[in-house]
């Protein structure tokens, strides 16, 4: 993993720089804190999932750093790097073994310094990233929406609350599973506004609306 250390008077203790030309500081992964039921158990993935899922509603991003939370084997991370060539992309996963495959699939982009992979918890970003980090977009491809039925409302809200500080102002949070939802960081009461979705909050029946628990937590249902 191409983590380059560097000296910076403002850098937090025990953090190292992930990209030599970006203010992105990380520290080693420390397991714990989140119930395992929150994590998607599968590692299967496929090519072109981002474009096939979001299509024309993908937000325009002309720079900054994108986070691929729960990147698994790295195919979505590499796709994001192709879709957003002017951005750096960080793929994270709690499973170190799949990150080996991710580094294999992304070898060329790793060497070019466009992407990086890191063992980290997408639901607890503060355990791995400096709080000075701001991402232009955070993608949760599958992992959150496929597990959301196993979580209570306060647990979902806690994940969203821990994610929001790491988005830059007007940054995007993109969630996908069977359905998709794009949120934008905002100073409103819930902290997010809805940008796009393939299933509205009032879609019935609620049991088949995988987005409903997210809408409910944000006060959008």
Protein backbone atom coordinates (compact mmCIF):
# COMPACT_ATOMS: atom_id res chain seq x y z
CA UNK A 1 0.00 0.00 0.00
CA UNK A 2 1.59 3.26 -1.11
CA UNK A 3 1.46 5.18 2.15
CA UNK A 4 4.09 7.85 2.10
CA UNK A 5 5.14 9.29 5.41
CA UNK A 6 5.92 12.96 5.64
CA UNK A 7 6.60 15.71 8.11
CA UNK A 8 3.94 18.31 8.75
CA UNK A 9 3.74 20.55 11.77
CA UNK A 10 -0.07 20.37 11.68
CA UNK A 11 -0.29 16.59 11.27
CA UNK A 12 -1.87 14.61 14.10
CA UNK A 13 0.43 12.36 16.11
CA UNK A 14 0.80 8.80 14.82
CA UNK A 15 -0.76 9.68 11.46
CA UNK A 16 0.95 9.25 8.08
CA UNK A 17 0.13 10.81 4.73
CA UNK A 18 -1.69 8.55 2.28
CA UNK A 19 -1.02 10.59 -0.88
CA UNK A 20 2.16 12.63 -0.96
CA UNK A 21 0.40 15.56 -2.66
CA UNK A 22 -2.86 15.55 -0.66
CA UNK A 23 -3.67 16.56 2.90
CA UNK A 24 -4.97 13.10 3.75
CA UNK A 25 -3.66 11.65 7.00
CA UNK A 26 -4.40 8.12 8.22
CA UNK A 27 -3.39 5.80 11.03
CA UNK A 28 -3.34 1.99 11.42
CA UNK A 29 -6.66 0.18 11.69
CA UNK A 30 -7.80 -0.83 15.17
CA UNK A 31 -10.74 -3.30 15.16
CA UNK A 32 -13.68 -2.94 17.47
CA UNK A 33 -16.54 -0.68 18.35
CA UNK A 34 -19.10 -1.69 15.73
CA UNK A 35 -21.37 -4.73 15.77
CA UNK A 36 -20.36 -7.25 13.13
CA UNK A 37 -23.97 -7.48 11.96
CA UNK A 38 -23.42 -4.07 10.36
CA UNK A 39 -21.05 -5.43 7.73
CA UNK A 40 -22.01 -7.09 4.48
CA UNK A 41 -20.56 -10.65 4.64
CA UNK A 42 -20.09 -11.13 0.89
CA UNK A 43 -17.08 -10.03 -1.12
CA UNK A 44 -18.57 -10.59 -4.58
CA UNK A 45 -18.42 -7.62 -6.89
CA UNK A 46 -18.44 -6.86 -10.61
CA UNK A 47 -17.15 -4.34 -13.10
CA UNK A 48 -19.00 -1.15 -14.04
CA UNK A 49 -21.28 -1.31 -11.00
CA UNK A 50 -21.06 2.41 -10.28
CA UNK A 51 -22.10 3.53 -13.76
CA UNK A 52 -24.75 0.84 -14.06
CA UNK A 53 -26.23 1.75 -10.68
CA UNK A 54 -26.26 5.55 -10.82
CA UNK A 55 -26.08 6.26 -14.56
CA UNK A 56 -26.74 9.87 -15.52
CA UNK A 57 -27.40 10.99 -11.93
CA UNK A 58 -23.77 10.57 -10.88
CA UNK A 59 -22.69 13.94 -9.47
CA UNK A 60 -20.01 15.97 -11.26
CA UNK A 61 -16.73 15.98 -9.34
CA UNK A 62 -13.77 17.89 -10.74
CA UNK A 63 -11.24 17.28 -8.00
CA UNK A 64 -10.70 16.25 -4.43
CA UNK A 65 -10.67 12.80 -2.88
CA UNK A 66 -13.36 10.14 -3.17
CA UNK A 67 -13.84 7.43 -0.56
CA UNK A 68 -15.02 3.97 -1.63
CA UNK A 69 -16.24 2.51 1.69
CA UNK A 70 -16.36 -1.27 1.72
CA UNK A 71 -14.34 -1.52 -1.49
CA UNK A 72 -13.97 -5.32 -1.34
CA UNK A 73 -11.78 -6.44 -4.27
CA UNK A 74 -11.26 -2.91 -5.54
CA UNK A 75 -13.23 -3.02 -8.78
CA UNK A 76 -15.46 -0.11 -7.78
CA UNK A 77 -12.42 1.86 -6.62
CA UNK A 78 -10.79 1.44 -10.03
CA UNK A 79 -14.04 2.32 -11.79
CA UNK A 80 -14.38 5.50 -9.74
CA UNK A 81 -10.84 6.45 -10.74
CA UNK A 82 -11.84 6.05 -14.41
CA UNK A 83 -15.12 7.95 -13.97
CA UNK A 84 -13.39 10.78 -12.07
CA UNK A 85 -9.87 11.08 -13.52
CA UNK A 86 -9.23 14.40 -11.78
CA UNK A 87 -9.88 12.93 -8.32
CA UNK A 88 -7.89 10.66 -6.04
CA UNK A 89 -9.78 7.60 -4.80
CA UNK A 90 -9.30 5.71 -1.52
CA UNK A 91 -10.76 2.24 -1.16
CA UNK A 92 -11.24 0.95 2.39
CA UNK A 93 -12.43 -2.34 3.83
CA UNK A 94 -12.33 -4.01 7.24
CA UNK A 95 -11.14 -7.28 5.63
CA UNK A 96 -7.41 -7.19 4.97
CA UNK A 97 -7.52 -10.35 2.84
CA UNK A 98 -9.74 -8.79 0.14
CA UNK A 99 -7.49 -5.73 0.05
CA UNK A 100 -4.77 -7.97 -1.36
CA UNK A 101 -6.99 -8.62 -4.36
CA UNK A 102 -7.84 -4.92 -4.54
CA UNK A 103 -4.16 -4.00 -4.77
CA UNK A 104 -3.72 -6.62 -7.50
CA UNK A 105 -6.66 -5.31 -9.55
CA UNK A 106 -5.57 -1.71 -9.08
CA UNK A 107 -1.83 -2.19 -9.54
CA UNK A 108 -1.40 0.32 -12.38
CA UNK A 109 -3.48 3.03 -10.71
CA UNK A 110 -1.69 2.43 -7.41
CA UNK A 111 1.68 2.93 -9.08
CA UNK A 112 0.38 6.09 -10.76
CA UNK A 113 -0.70 7.47 -7.39
CA UNK A 114 -4.35 7.85 -8.39
CA UNK A 115 -5.76 5.35 -5.89
CA UNK A 116 -4.84 3.87 -2.52
CA UNK A 117 -6.20 1.05 -0.38
CA UNK A 118 -6.43 1.04 3.38
CA UNK A 119 -7.81 -1.31 6.02
CA UNK A 120 -10.38 0.87 7.78
CA UNK A 121 -13.95 0.90 9.03
CA UNK A 122 -16.34 2.81 6.78
CA UNK A 123 -18.81 3.21 9.63
CA UNK A 124 -16.23 4.70 12.01
CA UNK A 125 -14.00 6.88 9.87
CA UNK A 126 -12.63 8.72 12.88
CA UNK A 127 -10.77 5.57 13.95
CA UNK A 128 -8.56 5.76 10.85
CA UNK A 129 -8.71 9.24 9.33
CA UNK A 130 -7.68 12.59 10.72
CA UNK A 131 -10.68 14.82 11.37
CA UNK A 132 -9.11 17.38 9.04
CA UNK A 133 -9.88 15.05 6.11
CA UNK A 134 -12.73 16.07 3.81
CA UNK A 135 -13.91 13.87 0.95
CA UNK A 136 -15.71 15.26 -2.08
CA UNK A 137 -17.84 12.09 -2.18
CA UNK A 138 -18.27 8.91 -0.16
CA UNK A 139 -19.65 5.81 -1.87
CA UNK A 140 -21.25 2.91 0.01
CA UNK A 141 -21.75 0.30 -2.71
CA UNK A 142 -23.95 -2.47 -1.23
CA UNK A 143 -22.53 -2.72 2.28
CA UNK A 144 -24.83 -0.33 4.14
CA UNK A 145 -28.12 -0.80 2.27
CA UNK A 146 -27.90 -4.60 2.27
CA UNK A 147 -27.36 -4.60 6.05
CA UNK A 148 -29.64 -1.76 7.03
CA UNK A 149 -32.48 -4.13 7.98
CA UNK A 150 -30.22 -5.67 10.61
CA UNK A 151 -29.63 -2.31 12.31
CA UNK A 152 -31.75 -0.25 14.64
CA UNK A 153 -32.59 3.37 13.85
CA UNK A 154 -30.05 4.79 16.35
CA UNK A 155 -27.31 2.61 14.82
CA UNK A 156 -28.07 3.91 11.32
CA UNK A 157 -28.16 7.49 12.57
CA UNK A 158 -24.82 6.96 14.33
CA UNK A 159 -23.22 5.74 11.08
CA UNK A 160 -24.57 8.75 9.17
CA UNK A 161 -23.51 11.12 11.94
CA UNK A 162 -19.97 9.69 11.93
CA UNK A 163 -19.78 9.94 8.13
CA UNK A 164 -21.00 13.51 7.65
CA UNK A 165 -18.00 15.34 9.22
CA UNK A 166 -15.68 13.74 6.66
CA UNK A 167 -17.55 15.21 3.71
CA UNK A 168 -16.56 18.60 2.39
CA UNK A 169 -19.28 21.26 2.22
CA UNK A 170 -21.76 20.22 -0.49
CA UNK A 171 -20.05 16.83 -0.69
CA UNK A 172 -22.02 13.77 -1.73
CA UNK A 173 -22.96 10.55 0.05
CA UNK A 174 -23.97 7.82 -2.39
CA UNK A 175 -25.67 4.64 -1.18
CA UNK A 176 -26.56 1.66 -3.32
CA UNK A 177 -27.89 -1.86 -3.07
CA UNK A 178 -31.08 -3.01 -4.75
CA UNK A 179 -32.00 0.69 -4.69
CA UNK A 180 -29.86 3.83 -4.69
CA UNK A 181 -29.86 7.16 -2.92
CA UNK A 182 -27.68 10.24 -3.40
CA UNK A 183 -27.47 12.74 -0.56
CA UNK A 184 -25.67 16.08 -0.37
CA UNK A 185 -24.18 17.48 2.82
CA UNK A 186 -26.16 20.46 4.01
CA UNK A 187 -26.61 22.60 7.10
CA UNK A 188 -30.26 21.57 7.47
CA UNK A 189 -31.47 19.78 10.60
CA UNK A 190 -30.67 16.25 9.35
CA UNK A 191 -27.36 17.29 7.81
CA UNK A 192 -28.27 15.95 4.34
CA UNK A 193 -30.63 16.77 1.50
CA UNK A 194 -31.80 14.23 -1.07
CA UNK A 195 -30.39 14.71 -4.56
CA UNK A 196 -31.62 11.63 -6.40
CA UNK A 197 -33.09 8.18 -5.81
CA UNK A 198 -34.80 5.41 -7.74
CA UNK A 199 -37.28 4.88 -4.90
CA UNK A 200 -39.03 7.77 -3.08
CA UNK A 201 -39.73 7.77 0.69
CA UNK A 202 -43.42 6.98 0.20
CA UNK A 203 -42.77 3.96 -2.02
CA UNK A 204 -44.90 1.00 -0.94
CA UNK A 205 -44.69 -1.54 0.51
CA UNK A 206 -42.15 -0.20 2.99
CA UNK A 207 -40.74 -3.68 3.64
CA UNK A 208 -39.49 -3.74 0.05
CA UNK A 209 -38.06 -0.23 0.22
CA UNK A 210 -34.45 -0.71 1.36
CA UNK A 211 -34.05 3.06 1.59
CA UNK A 212 -36.88 3.61 4.04
CA UNK A 213 -34.77 3.24 7.24
CA UNK A 214 -32.36 5.85 5.86
CA UNK A 215 -35.21 8.21 4.99
CA UNK A 216 -36.69 7.70 8.45
CA UNK A 217 -33.40 8.53 10.20
CA UNK A 218 -33.05 11.71 8.15
CA UNK A 219 -36.64 12.78 8.71
CA UNK A 220 -37.42 12.45 5.01
CA UNK A 221 -40.04 9.67 5.32
